[in-house]
Each structure stands twice: as C-alpha cells, then as structure tokens.
Amino acid sequence: MPTTSVPDERPRAARNLRLAVAQSTVPEDPTDRGALRAAGQEIRALMAEASEAGARLVQFCEGALTYPSKHVMAAGLDGKLVPADWSRAAWDVLREEAESIAALAGKLRLWTAFGSLHPLTPPNRPHNSLFVVSDRGELAARYDKRFLSHTEVSYLYSPGYQPLVIEVDGIRFGFALCIEANFPEIFAEYERLDVDCVLLSVMVDDAPRARVAQAYGTLYNYWLGYAIPAQFSATAPSGIVAPGGRWLARCSANGHPALAIADIALDSQDEDINMAVRHARPWRRSARAGLYGERIPVGDPRSDVRTAF
C-alpha cells in the first residue's frame, strides 16, 4: 500500500522540536452534544497551554473528541452487540469542534494531532482516525486506524490501509492508534520509513500498553509520544519516550487533564540518546540488511554439527 507523506511547507534548519503530549477527558457517547462541546473546549485549553510552553506540536489521544463505547453505539435490545447506528452521532457538533480546533491551531501556529471519527459514504462505517492539523490551521492529513479490535471491525468501524508520515521542522513523525501497539510490524515499518518519532494515541486503561510503547523506543531507537485519556492516567499517564527507552516526561497520574513536554533534539548529546540514534539504530539497520550473510562459516563441520561439544 502507498504511504501518505506530508512534508512541512516551511522547512527550517533547526533539528529540534518541542513536543507536547496531552491527556484530556474523553467522552464515550457521540450523541451527547454537551459532552462533545466540553471535550473540544478542553482540547483547546490544552493547546493554548502547549503553545505557551513553546511546543510546536501537540498530540492528543485516540478519540479525543469522542471514543464511542460499544455499549452506547452497538448494543441491541437483548444486550448483544449489533452493527452501530451511526446516524445517531452528533456529526454536526464533531465537525464544528474539529474546525474550531483547526482554527486555533492556525492562530497559535501549533501543529495539532487529535483523535475523532471520520464518516464515510453510507453504508460504509466511519474510520477511527487521528487528524493532523498544520500550524496554518489546515487539515494536513488524516491517519485511519488500520488494525482494529474484533468489536471495532465487527460492529463499529472501517479499517484504514496506509501509514502516515509528516515532517515538521525537519522532524519526521509516524502515527499509530491504540491496539496497533500490539502489531510490531507497524512500528518496524515506521523505522524503515525513517521517522524520528512515532505518535501513539490510545484509549485504553492498560499499563502493559505503555510498557510496549516504551519498548518500541528501545527497539527502534526513535522518540515516541504516548497519549491516553485523563480518566485512565492513574494506570499509565501520557508521556514521551526517548530513543533507547527512557521516559523523558510524563503527566501526573491523577486523572486530570495535563501535558507532558520534551524536546525532540536530533543532535542531542544525552548519552543514551546519542548511543541510540547515532550507533544502535544505524548498526541494527546494517544487521537487517544482510551484514552477516558473507560471514557465515559455510561447510565448517564445527559449525554444522550441533550435537557435539
């Protein structure tokens, strides 16, 4: 499948970008117009806070405007799950809130990635998406969740089909959503696409998923933004992982909206980042490219026979 790649229209010489990763309160009923409005307002308040802190890009969680509960959208009369009736969603409010977020991104000159739903042509189900708005207030691209849970693909959403790479200030970003953390091939793919940072936005109350996210920073030696809803932060708050796997910043684990802020510095002299970016990542690429093939001792009985000391 093709890769959607969106370059920054105003490239800079800087190799440094301040990233803010948010945890905001996510409503689970897309028919609740008041809750959707409140979610949009909270997102914009955190955007303003990120801008004041000097961030160039702020990341929000999966479904930041709404992540519909299966019990709200796909519950039948007998309690069994049925295909969701998406005509019930307040699509007009979701669009208005998304447009307000985009307008503020332009005003603040702040790249903004936030989760919401993207309706398709009926009878196709919507995508579960991450919208990426540029610092000009324009929708630069949309990442559609490719790997869905059994419930999502059976009753709720249509899957996406391609990765997304966006460049901001010379820093290359890839994107992933929630359960995709359990599919390492997505994160290996982004390493091959030469990203500097993957933004993983989730809607799950699950400590192991944060550890998996941290592991990808260790395995692939890029930065990783991990955004979760505020209501799940007591289990595993939002944060930013450095190449090599160290948490650079994390939000408070108190259930409240917050930001974690850290710099992505390609020329960082931090010992662990320097080792990961300039040594471990290039070495692992050469190892995967067939480095060992010509060094295999073909025909040596001491190598071939494996039942003798």
C-alpha atoms as a PDB file:
ATOM      1  CA  MET A   1       0.000   0.000   0.000  1.00  0.00           C
ATOM      2  CA  PRO A   2       1.200   3.563  -0.640  1.00  0.00           C
ATOM      3  CA  THR A   3       2.462   5.775   2.149  1.00  0.00           C
ATOM      4  CA  THR A   4       0.904   9.161   2.762  1.00  0.00           C
ATOM      5  CA  SER A   5       3.798  11.546   3.355  1.00  0.00           C
ATOM      6  CA  VAL A   6       3.244  15.220   4.098  1.00  0.00           C
ATOM      7  CA  PRO A   7       6.315  17.485   4.178  1.00  0.00           C
ATOM      8  CA  ASP A   8       6.439  20.683   6.162  1.00  0.00           C
ATOM      9  CA  GLU A   9       5.815  23.531   3.691  1.00  0.00           C
ATOM     10  CA  ARG A  10       8.185  25.772   5.624  1.00  0.00           C
ATOM     11  CA  PRO A  11      11.275  23.669   6.374  1.00  0.00           C
ATOM     12  CA  ARG A  12      13.672  25.022   8.979  1.00  0.00           C
ATOM     13  CA  ALA A  13      17.343  24.424   9.579  1.00  0.00           C
ATOM     14  CA  ALA A  14      16.611  23.522  13.202  1.00  0.00           C
ATOM     15  CA  ARG A  15      16.849  19.878  14.217  1.00  0.00           C
ATOM     16  CA  ASN A  16      14.906  20.432  17.388  1.00  0.00           C
ATOM     17  CA  LEU A  17      11.159  20.393  18.091  1.00  0.00           C
ATOM     18  CA  ARG A  18       9.288  20.794  21.350  1.00  0.00           C
ATOM     19  CA  LEU A  19       6.575  18.150  21.618  1.00  0.00           C
ATOM     20  CA  ALA A  20       3.626  18.295  23.990  1.00  0.00           C
ATOM     21  CA  VAL A  21       1.654  15.111  24.696  1.00  0.00           C
ATOM     22  CA  ALA A  22      -1.741  15.657  26.282  1.00  0.00           C
ATOM     23  CA  GLN A  23      -4.122  13.665  28.404  1.00  0.00           C
ATOM     24  CA  SER A  24      -7.652  15.030  28.094  1.00  0.00           C
ATOM     25  CA  THR A  25     -11.065  13.813  29.205  1.00  0.00           C
ATOM     26  CA  VAL A  26     -12.676  11.654  26.507  1.00  0.00           C
ATOM     27  CA  PRO A  27     -16.485  11.333  26.207  1.00  0.00           C
ATOM     28  CA  GLU A  28     -17.775   7.908  25.158  1.00  0.00           C
ATOM     29  CA  ASP A  29     -21.217   8.935  23.887  1.00  0.00           C
ATOM     30  CA  PRO A  30     -21.138  10.608  20.446  1.00  0.00           C
ATOM     31  CA  THR A  31     -24.816  11.514  20.824  1.00  0.00           C
ATOM     32  CA  ASP A  32     -24.133  13.710  23.872  1.00  0.00           C
ATOM     33  CA  ARG A  33     -23.737  17.126  22.305  1.00  0.00           C
ATOM     34  CA  GLY A  34     -22.802  18.831  25.562  1.00  0.00           C
ATOM     35  CA  ALA A  35     -20.043  16.317  26.307  1.00  0.00           C
ATOM     36  CA  LEU A  36     -18.629  16.747  22.800  1.00  0.00           C
ATOM     37  CA  ARG A  37     -18.557  20.522  23.252  1.00  0.00           C
ATOM     38  CA  ALA A  38     -16.808  20.115  26.608  1.00  0.00           C
ATOM     39  CA  ALA A  39     -14.194  17.809  25.069  1.00  0.00           C
ATOM     40  CA  GLY A  40     -13.457  20.336  22.338  1.00  0.00           C
ATOM     41  CA  GLN A  41     -13.145  23.129  24.881  1.00  0.00           C
ATOM     42  CA  GLU A  42     -10.714  21.104  26.995  1.00  0.00           C
ATOM     43  CA  ILE A  43      -8.623  20.232  23.946  1.00  0.00           C
ATOM     44  CA  ARG A  44      -8.346  23.910  23.013  1.00  0.00           C
ATOM     45  CA  ALA A  45      -7.390  24.880  26.561  1.00  0.00           C
ATOM     46  CA  LEU A  46      -4.550  22.345  26.486  1.00  0.00           C
ATOM     47  CA  MET A  47      -3.490  23.603  23.051  1.00  0.00           C
ATOM     48  CA  ALA A  48      -3.150  27.113  24.463  1.00  0.00           C
ATOM     49  CA  GLU A  49      -1.123  25.753  27.383  1.00  0.00           C
ATOM     50  CA  ALA A  50       1.135  23.822  24.994  1.00  0.00           C
ATOM     51  CA  SER A  51       1.686  26.931  22.894  1.00  0.00           C
ATOM     52  CA  GLU A  52       2.611  28.973  25.963  1.00  0.00           C
ATOM     53  CA  ALA A  53       5.192  26.297  26.810  1.00  0.00           C
ATOM     54  CA  GLY A  54       6.793  26.690  23.379  1.00  0.00           C
ATOM     55  CA  ALA A  55       5.513  23.475  21.817  1.00  0.00           C
ATOM     56  CA  ARG A  56       5.456  23.191  18.037  1.00  0.00           C
ATOM     57  CA  LEU A  57       3.256  20.091  18.015  1.00  0.00           C
ATOM     58  CA  VAL A  58       0.702  18.780  20.498  1.00  0.00           C
ATOM     59  CA  GLN A  59      -0.608  15.203  20.446  1.00  0.00           C
ATOM     60  CA  PHE A  60      -3.956  14.085  21.878  1.00  0.00           C
ATOM     61  CA  CYS A  61      -5.267  10.582  22.488  1.00  0.00           C
ATOM     62  CA  GLU A  62      -7.378   8.292  20.348  1.00  0.00           C
ATOM     63  CA  GLY A  63     -10.937   9.591  20.169  1.00  0.00           C
ATOM     64  CA  ALA A  64     -10.062  12.823  21.971  1.00  0.00           C
ATOM     65  CA  LEU A  65     -13.313  14.369  20.746  1.00  0.00           C
ATOM     66  CA  THR A  66     -15.176  11.103  21.312  1.00  0.00           C
ATOM     67  CA  TYR A  67     -14.400   7.423  21.535  1.00  0.00           C
ATOM     68  CA  PRO A  68     -17.817   5.730  21.302  1.00  0.00           C
ATOM     69  CA  SER A  69     -18.484   2.989  23.787  1.00  0.00           C
ATOM     70  CA  LYS A  70     -19.747  -0.213  22.200  1.00  0.00           C
ATOM     71  CA  HIS A  71     -22.452  -0.224  24.869  1.00  0.00           C
ATOM     72  CA  VAL A  72     -23.698   3.136  23.574  1.00  0.00           C
ATOM     73  CA  MET A  73     -23.482   2.623  19.827  1.00  0.00           C
ATOM     74  CA  ALA A  74     -23.681  -1.136  19.244  1.00  0.00           C
ATOM     75  CA  ALA A  75     -25.949  -2.553  21.947  1.00  0.00           C
ATOM     76  CA  GLY A  76     -29.048  -4.416  20.760  1.00  0.00           C
ATOM     77  CA  LEU A  77     -32.318  -4.741  22.650  1.00  0.00           C
ATOM     78  CA  ASP A  78     -31.264  -8.095  24.090  1.00  0.00           C
ATOM     79  CA  GLY A  79     -27.891  -6.754  25.191  1.00  0.00           C
ATOM     80  CA  LYS A  80     -25.994  -8.430  22.365  1.00  0.00           C
ATOM     81  CA  LEU A  81     -23.821  -6.332  20.058  1.00  0.00           C
ATOM     82  CA  VAL A  82     -25.218  -5.274  16.707  1.00  0.00           C
ATOM     83  CA  PRO A  83     -23.836  -3.029  13.943  1.00  0.00           C
ATOM     84  CA  ALA A  84     -23.723   0.556  15.176  1.00  0.00           C
ATOM     85  CA  ASP A  85     -26.345   3.034  14.012  1.00  0.00           C
ATOM     86  CA  TRP A  86     -24.076   5.938  13.145  1.00  0.00           C
ATOM     87  CA  SER A  87     -26.975   8.192  12.180  1.00  0.00           C
ATOM     88  CA  ARG A  88     -27.381   8.798  15.921  1.00  0.00           C
ATOM     89  CA  ALA A  89     -23.986  10.510  16.285  1.00  0.00           C
ATOM     90  CA  ALA A  90     -23.872  14.312  16.506  1.00  0.00           C
ATOM     91  CA  TRP A  91     -21.797  14.666  13.356  1.00  0.00           C
ATOM     92  CA  ASP A  92     -22.502  18.392  13.101  1.00  0.00           C
ATOM     93  CA  VAL A  93     -21.035  19.018  16.555  1.00  0.00           C
ATOM     94  CA  LEU A  94     -17.998  16.836  15.860  1.00  0.00           C
ATOM     95  CA  ARG A  95     -17.275  18.768  12.679  1.00  0.00           C
ATOM     96  CA  GLU A  96     -17.759  22.151  14.353  1.00  0.00           C
ATOM     97  CA  GLU A  97     -15.433  21.200  17.192  1.00  0.00           C
ATOM     98  CA  ALA A  98     -12.819  19.862  14.762  1.00  0.00           C
ATOM     99  CA  GLU A  99     -12.997  23.083  12.760  1.00  0.00           C
ATOM    100  CA  SER A 100     -12.600  25.141  15.955  1.00  0.00           C
ATOM    101  CA  ILE A 101      -9.530  23.086  16.894  1.00  0.00           C
ATOM    102  CA  ALA A 102      -8.068  23.691  13.434  1.00  0.00           C
ATOM    103  CA  ALA A 103      -8.744  27.421  13.632  1.00  0.00           C
ATOM    104  CA  LEU A 104      -6.978  27.667  16.982  1.00  0.00           C
ATOM    105  CA  ALA A 105      -4.024  25.642  15.657  1.00  0.00           C
ATOM    106  CA  GLY A 106      -3.605  28.274  12.958  1.00  0.00           C
ATOM    107  CA  LYS A 107      -3.907  31.116  15.446  1.00  0.00           C
ATOM    108  CA  LEU A 108      -1.351  29.553  17.777  1.00  0.00           C
ATOM    109  CA  ARG A 109       0.897  28.354  14.921  1.00  0.00           C
ATOM    110  CA  LEU A 110       0.754  24.929  16.559  1.00  0.00           C
ATOM    111  CA  TRP A 111       0.648  21.578  14.813  1.00  0.00           C
ATOM    112  CA  THR A 112      -2.105  19.522  16.448  1.00  0.00           C
ATOM    113  CA  ALA A 113      -2.920  15.793  16.245  1.00  0.00           C
ATOM    114  CA  PHE A 114      -6.226  14.711  17.780  1.00  0.00           C
ATOM    115  CA  GLY A 115      -8.423  11.634  17.590  1.00  0.00           C
ATOM    116  CA  SER A 116     -12.014  11.589  16.373  1.00  0.00           C
ATOM    117  CA  LEU A 117     -14.338   9.855  13.911  1.00  0.00           C
ATOM    118  CA  HIS A 118     -14.363  10.330  10.137  1.00  0.00           C
ATOM    119  CA  PRO A 119     -17.682   9.488   8.433  1.00  0.00           C
ATOM    120  CA  LEU A 120     -17.650   7.687   5.099  1.00  0.00           C
ATOM    121  CA  THR A 121     -20.269   7.309   2.413  1.00  0.00           C
ATOM    122  CA  PRO A 122     -23.134   5.138   3.726  1.00  0.00           C
ATOM    123  CA  PRO A 123     -23.379   2.195   4.169  1.00  0.00           C
ATOM    124  CA  ASN A 124     -19.640   2.219   4.916  1.00  0.00           C
ATOM    125  CA  ARG A 125     -18.807   2.610   8.572  1.00  0.00           C
ATOM    126  CA  PRO A 126     -16.624   5.538   9.687  1.00  0.00           C
ATOM    127  CA  HIS A 127     -12.899   5.437  10.220  1.00  0.00           C
ATOM    128  CA  ASN A 128     -11.402   5.759  13.685  1.00  0.00           C
ATOM    129  CA  SER A 129      -8.900   8.482  12.876  1.00  0.00           C
ATOM    130  CA  LEU A 130      -6.177  10.803  14.028  1.00  0.00           C
ATOM    131  CA  PHE A 131      -6.478  14.223  12.406  1.00  0.00           C
ATOM    132  CA  VAL A 132      -3.260  16.194  11.893  1.00  0.00           C
ATOM    133  CA  VAL A 133      -3.738  19.956  11.598  1.00  0.00           C
ATOM    134  CA  SER A 134      -0.867  22.174  10.459  1.00  0.00           C
ATOM    135  CA  ASP A 135       0.321  25.376  12.079  1.00  0.00           C
ATOM    136  CA  ARG A 136      -1.619  27.189   9.375  1.00  0.00           C
ATOM    137  CA  GLY A 137      -4.886  25.779  10.641  1.00  0.00           C
ATOM    138  CA  GLU A 138      -5.266  23.404   7.692  1.00  0.00           C
ATOM    139  CA  LEU A 139      -6.016  19.689   7.861  1.00  0.00           C
ATOM    140  CA  ALA A 140      -2.666  18.388   6.642  1.00  0.00           C
ATOM    141  CA  ALA A 141      -3.567  14.706   6.735  1.00  0.00           C
ATOM    142  CA  ARG A 142      -5.609  12.021   8.463  1.00  0.00           C
ATOM    143  CA  TYR A 143      -4.388   8.698   9.809  1.00  0.00           C
ATOM    144  CA  ASP A 144      -7.025   5.953   9.779  1.00  0.00           C
ATOM    145  CA  LYS A 145      -6.594   3.101  12.238  1.00  0.00           C
ATOM    146  CA  ARG A 146      -5.534   0.042  10.256  1.00  0.00           C
ATOM    147  CA  PHE A 147      -5.684  -2.738  12.846  1.00  0.00           C
ATOM    148  CA  LEU A 148      -8.995  -2.830  14.682  1.00  0.00           C
ATOM    149  CA  SER A 149     -10.193  -4.872  17.613  1.00  0.00           C
ATOM    150  CA  HIS A 150     -12.696  -7.680  16.984  1.00  0.00           C
ATOM    151  CA  THR A 151     -15.550  -5.494  18.235  1.00  0.00           C
ATOM    152  CA  GLU A 152     -14.409  -2.469  16.220  1.00  0.00           C
ATOM    153  CA  VAL A 153     -14.170  -4.281  12.903  1.00  0.00           C
ATOM    154  CA  SER A 154     -17.323  -6.338  13.520  1.00  0.00           C
ATOM    155  CA  TYR A 155     -19.685  -3.591  14.637  1.00  0.00           C
ATOM    156  CA  LEU A 156     -18.165  -0.108  14.531  1.00  0.00           C
ATOM    157  CA  TYR A 157     -15.511   0.963  12.011  1.00  0.00           C
ATOM    158  CA  SER A 158     -13.957   0.565   8.597  1.00  0.00           C
ATOM    159  CA  PRO A 159     -10.193  -0.075   8.709  1.00  0.00           C
ATOM    160  CA  GLY A 160      -7.647   2.248   7.141  1.00  0.00           C
ATOM    161  CA  TYR A 161      -4.938   0.909   4.869  1.00  0.00           C
ATOM    162  CA  GLN A 162      -1.786   3.043   4.827  1.00  0.00           C
ATOM    163  CA  PRO A 163       0.811   4.598   7.119  1.00  0.00           C
ATOM    164  CA  LEU A 164       1.229   8.330   7.505  1.00  0.00           C
ATOM    165  CA  VAL A 165       4.486  10.278   7.708  1.00  0.00           C
ATOM    166  CA  ILE A 166       4.516  14.022   8.314  1.00  0.00           C
ATOM    167  CA  GLU A 167       7.559  16.266   8.557  1.00  0.00           C
ATOM    168  CA  VAL A 168       7.535  19.266  10.894  1.00  0.00           C
ATOM    169  CA  ASP A 169      10.610  21.469  11.281  1.00  0.00           C
ATOM    170  CA  GLY A 170      12.763  18.713   9.797  1.00  0.00           C
ATOM    171  CA  ILE A 171      11.445  16.073  12.240  1.00  0.00           C
ATOM    172  CA  ARG A 172       9.646  13.103  10.686  1.00  0.00           C
ATOM    173  CA  PHE A 173       6.589  11.733  12.510  1.00  0.00           C
ATOM    174  CA  GLY A 174       4.664   8.476  12.114  1.00  0.00           C
ATOM    175  CA  PHE A 175       1.256   7.738  13.669  1.00  0.00           C
ATOM    176  CA  ALA A 176      -0.491   4.773  15.280  1.00  0.00           C
ATOM    177  CA  LEU A 177      -3.663   4.163  17.294  1.00  0.00           C
ATOM    178  CA  CYS A 178      -4.277   2.071  20.412  1.00  0.00           C
ATOM    179  CA  ILE A 179      -4.468  -1.669  19.651  1.00  0.00           C
ATOM    180  CA  GLU A 180      -1.922  -1.143  16.878  1.00  0.00           C
ATOM    181  CA  ALA A 181       0.657  -1.152  19.693  1.00  0.00           C
ATOM    182  CA  ASN A 182       0.185  -4.935  19.602  1.00  0.00           C
ATOM    183  CA  PHE A 183       1.287  -5.118  15.954  1.00  0.00           C
ATOM    184  CA  PRO A 184       5.087  -4.637  15.885  1.00  0.00           C
ATOM    185  CA  GLU A 185       5.119  -4.580  12.096  1.00  0.00           C
ATOM    186  CA  ILE A 186       3.606  -1.090  12.162  1.00  0.00           C
ATOM    187  CA  PHE A 187       6.484   0.228  14.268  1.00  0.00           C
ATOM    188  CA  ALA A 188       9.099  -1.628  12.216  1.00  0.00           C
ATOM    189  CA  GLU A 189       7.534  -0.100   9.111  1.00  0.00           C
ATOM    190  CA  TYR A 190       7.934   3.395  10.537  1.00  0.00           C
ATOM    191  CA  GLU A 191      11.599   2.679  11.282  1.00  0.00           C
ATOM    192  CA  ARG A 192      12.070   1.719   7.622  1.00  0.00           C
ATOM    193  CA  LEU A 193      10.271   4.942   6.655  1.00  0.00           C
ATOM    194  CA  ASP A 194      12.955   6.800   8.595  1.00  0.00           C
ATOM    195  CA  VAL A 195      10.750   8.559  11.108  1.00  0.00           C
ATOM    196  CA  ASP A 196      12.277  10.302  14.105  1.00  0.00           C
ATOM    197  CA  CYS A 197       9.197   9.923  16.308  1.00  0.00           C
ATOM    198  CA  VAL A 198       6.017   7.847  16.385  1.00  0.00           C
ATOM    199  CA  LEU A 199       2.908   9.348  17.991  1.00  0.00           C
ATOM    200  CA  LEU A 200       0.892   6.516  19.540  1.00  0.00           C
ATOM    201  CA  SER A 201      -2.536   7.679  20.719  1.00  0.00           C
ATOM    202  CA  VAL A 202      -4.611   5.247  22.753  1.00  0.00           C
ATOM    203  CA  MET A 203      -7.951   4.912  24.532  1.00  0.00           C
ATOM    204  CA  VAL A 204      -7.265   2.136  26.994  1.00  0.00           C
ATOM    205  CA  ASP A 205      -6.798   1.649  30.724  1.00  0.00           C
ATOM    206  CA  ASP A 206      -3.815  -0.659  30.378  1.00  0.00           C
ATOM    207  CA  ALA A 207      -0.370  -0.354  31.979  1.00  0.00           C
ATOM    208  CA  PRO A 208       1.253  -3.012  29.731  1.00  0.00           C
ATOM    209  CA  ARG A 209       0.468  -0.943  26.631  1.00  0.00           C
ATOM    210  CA  ALA A 210       2.586   1.898  27.997  1.00  0.00           C
ATOM    211  CA  ARG A 211       5.426  -0.559  28.556  1.00  0.00           C
ATOM    212  CA  VAL A 212       5.053  -1.803  24.978  1.00  0.00           C
ATOM    213  CA  ALA A 213       5.258   1.801  23.771  1.00  0.00           C
ATOM    214  CA  GLN A 214       8.418   2.291  25.807  1.00  0.00           C
ATOM    215  CA  ALA A 215       9.835  -0.880  24.291  1.00  0.00           C
ATOM    216  CA  TYR A 216       9.444   0.487  20.762  1.00  0.00           C
ATOM    217  CA  GLY A 217      11.675   3.418  21.701  1.00  0.00           C
ATOM    218  CA  THR A 218      14.200   0.815  22.828  1.00  0.00           C
ATOM    219  CA  LEU A 219      13.840  -1.475  19.811  1.00  0.00           C
ATOM    220  CA  TYR A 220      13.725   1.096  17.021  1.00  0.00           C
ATOM    221  CA  ASN A 221      15.637   3.985  18.602  1.00  0.00           C
ATOM    222  CA  TYR A 222      13.188   6.772  17.848  1.00  0.00           C
ATOM    223  CA  TRP A 223      11.195   9.076  20.094  1.00  0.00           C
ATOM    224  CA  LEU A 224       7.635   8.052  20.929  1.00  0.00           C
ATOM    225  CA  GLY A 225       4.697  10.131  22.141  1.00  0.00           C
ATOM    226  CA  TYR A 226       2.153   8.166  24.195  1.00  0.00           C
ATOM    227  CA  ALA A 227      -1.212   9.908  24.690  1.00  0.00           C
ATOM    228  CA  ILE A 228      -4.012   8.476  26.836  1.00  0.00           C
ATOM    229  CA  PRO A 229      -7.292   9.867  28.243  1.00  0.00           C
ATOM    230  CA  ALA A 230      -7.090  11.761  31.522  1.00  0.00           C
ATOM    231  CA  GLN A 231      -9.540   9.329  33.130  1.00  0.00           C
ATOM    232  CA  PHE A 232      -7.043   6.466  32.687  1.00  0.00           C
ATOM    233  CA  SER A 233      -3.927   8.335  33.786  1.00  0.00           C
ATOM    234  CA  ALA A 234      -3.783   6.709  37.240  1.00  0.00           C
ATOM    235  CA  THR A 235      -2.828   3.465  35.492  1.00  0.00           C
ATOM    236  CA  ALA A 236      -0.370   4.861  32.928  1.00  0.00           C
ATOM    237  CA  PRO A 237      -0.181   8.620  32.266  1.00  0.00           C
ATOM    238  CA  SER A 238       0.695  10.235  28.956  1.00  0.00           C
ATOM    239  CA  GLY A 239       4.358  10.780  28.252  1.00  0.00           C
ATOM    240  CA  ILE A 240       7.301  10.973  25.868  1.00  0.00           C
ATOM    241  CA  VAL A 241       9.861   8.192  25.396  1.00  0.00           C
ATOM    242  CA  ALA A 242      13.415   8.890  24.228  1.00  0.00           C
ATOM    243  CA  PRO A 243      15.309   6.752  21.723  1.00  0.00           C
ATOM    244  CA  GLY A 244      16.640   3.928  23.865  1.00  0.00           C
ATOM    245  CA  GLY A 245      13.511   3.716  26.022  1.00  0.00           C
ATOM    246  CA  ARG A 246      13.836   6.343  28.773  1.00  0.00           C
ATOM    247  CA  TRP A 247      10.751   8.335  29.720  1.00  0.00           C
ATOM    248  CA  LEU A 248      11.657  11.987  29.121  1.00  0.00           C
ATOM    249  CA  ALA A 249       8.452  13.405  30.568  1.00  0.00           C
ATOM    250  CA  ARG A 250       5.142  12.122  31.932  1.00  0.00           C
ATOM    251  CA  CYS A 251       1.903  13.706  33.034  1.00  0.00           C
ATOM    252  CA  SER A 252       0.603  13.400  36.562  1.00  0.00           C
ATOM    253  CA  ALA A 253      -1.230  10.155  37.289  1.00  0.00           C
ATOM    254  CA  ASN A 254      -4.147  11.895  38.967  1.00  0.00           C
ATOM    255  CA  GLY A 255      -6.991  11.693  36.458  1.00  0.00           C
ATOM    256  CA  HIS A 256      -6.732  15.358  35.481  1.00  0.00           C
ATOM    257  CA  PRO A 257      -6.029  16.968  32.084  1.00  0.00           C
ATOM    258  CA  ALA A 258      -2.330  17.701  31.674  1.00  0.00           C
ATOM    259  CA  LEU A 259       0.626  17.955  29.309  1.00  0.00           C
ATOM    260  CA  ALA A 260       3.984  16.195  29.137  1.00  0.00           C
ATOM    261  CA  ILE A 261       6.558  18.308  27.313  1.00  0.00           C
ATOM    262  CA  ALA A 262      10.017  17.429  25.998  1.00  0.00           C
ATOM    263  CA  ASP A 263      12.304  18.390  23.155  1.00  0.00           C
ATOM    264  CA  ILE A 264      12.994  16.102  20.214  1.00  0.00           C
ATOM    265  CA  ALA A 265      16.607  17.053  19.514  1.00  0.00           C
ATOM    266  CA  LEU A 266      18.234  15.160  16.659  1.00  0.00           C
ATOM    267  CA  ASP A 267      21.640  16.477  17.749  1.00  0.00           C
ATOM    268  CA  SER A 268      21.102  15.617  21.417  1.00  0.00           C
ATOM    269  CA  GLN A 269      24.278  14.898  23.357  1.00  0.00           C
ATOM    270  CA  ASP A 270      22.471  12.934  26.068  1.00  0.00           C
ATOM    271  CA  GLU A 271      24.476   9.734  26.362  1.00  0.00           C
ATOM    272  CA  ASP A 272      21.559   7.331  25.902  1.00  0.00           C
ATOM    273  CA  ILE A 273      20.001   9.268  23.018  1.00  0.00           C
ATOM    274  CA  ASN A 274      23.350   9.702  21.286  1.00  0.00           C
ATOM    275  CA  MET A 275      24.021   5.972  21.557  1.00  0.00           C
ATOM    276  CA  ALA A 276      20.540   5.037  20.308  1.00  0.00           C
ATOM    277  CA  VAL A 277      20.352   7.467  17.370  1.00  0.00           C
ATOM    278  CA  ARG A 278      23.950   7.512  16.131  1.00  0.00           C
ATOM    279  CA  HIS A 279      25.100   3.997  16.930  1.00  0.00           C
ATOM    280  CA  ALA A 280      22.367   1.466  17.739  1.00  0.00           C
ATOM    281  CA  ARG A 281      19.922   2.468  15.001  1.00  0.00           C
ATOM    282  CA  PRO A 282      22.472   2.511  12.141  1.00  0.00           C
ATOM    283  CA  TRP A 283      24.004  -0.751  13.349  1.00  0.00           C
ATOM    284  CA  ARG A 284      20.667  -2.536  13.524  1.00  0.00           C
ATOM    285  CA  ARG A 285      19.849  -1.324  10.009  1.00  0.00           C
ATOM    286  CA  SER A 286      23.089  -2.786   8.684  1.00  0.00           C
ATOM    287  CA  ALA A 287      22.436  -6.027  10.574  1.00  0.00           C
ATOM    288  CA  ARG A 288      18.988  -6.342   8.985  1.00  0.00           C
ATOM    289  CA  ALA A 289      20.418  -5.567   5.530  1.00  0.00           C
ATOM    290  CA  GLY A 290      22.403  -8.825   5.281  1.00  0.00           C
ATOM    291  CA  LEU A 291      25.558  -7.902   7.174  1.00  0.00           C
ATOM    292  CA  TYR A 292      26.046 -11.459   8.421  1.00  0.00           C
ATOM    293  CA  GLY A 293      25.492 -13.389   5.195  1.00  0.00           C
ATOM    294  CA  GLU A 294      29.069 -13.424   3.920  1.00  0.00           C
ATOM    295  CA  ARG A 295      30.406 -14.155   7.403  1.00  0.00           C
ATOM    296  CA  ILE A 296      28.539 -17.451   7.886  1.00  0.00           C
ATOM    297  CA  PRO A 297      31.152 -20.258   8.028  1.00  0.00           C
ATOM    298  CA  VAL A 298      29.608 -22.453   5.335  1.00  0.00           C
ATOM    299  CA  GLY A 299      30.901 -26.021   5.283  1.00  0.00           C
ATOM    300  CA  ASP A 300      32.707 -25.915   8.612  1.00  0.00           C
ATOM    301  CA  PRO A 301      31.761 -29.137  10.437  1.00  0.00           C
ATOM    302  CA  ARG A 302      32.460 -27.474  13.774  1.00  0.00           C
ATOM    303  CA  SER A 303      29.594 -25.119  12.914  1.00  0.00           C
ATOM    304  CA  ASP A 304      27.319 -27.530  11.065  1.00  0.00           C
ATOM    305  CA  VAL A 305      27.330 -30.362  13.607  1.00  0.00           C
ATOM    306  CA  ARG A 306      25.253 -29.276  16.578  1.00  0.00           C
ATOM    307  CA  THR A 307      25.321 -32.440  18.641  1.00  0.00           C
ATOM    308  CA  ALA A 308      28.948 -32.278  19.731  1.00  0.00           C
ATOM    309  CA  PHE A 309      30.781 -30.087  22.244  1.00  0.00           C
END
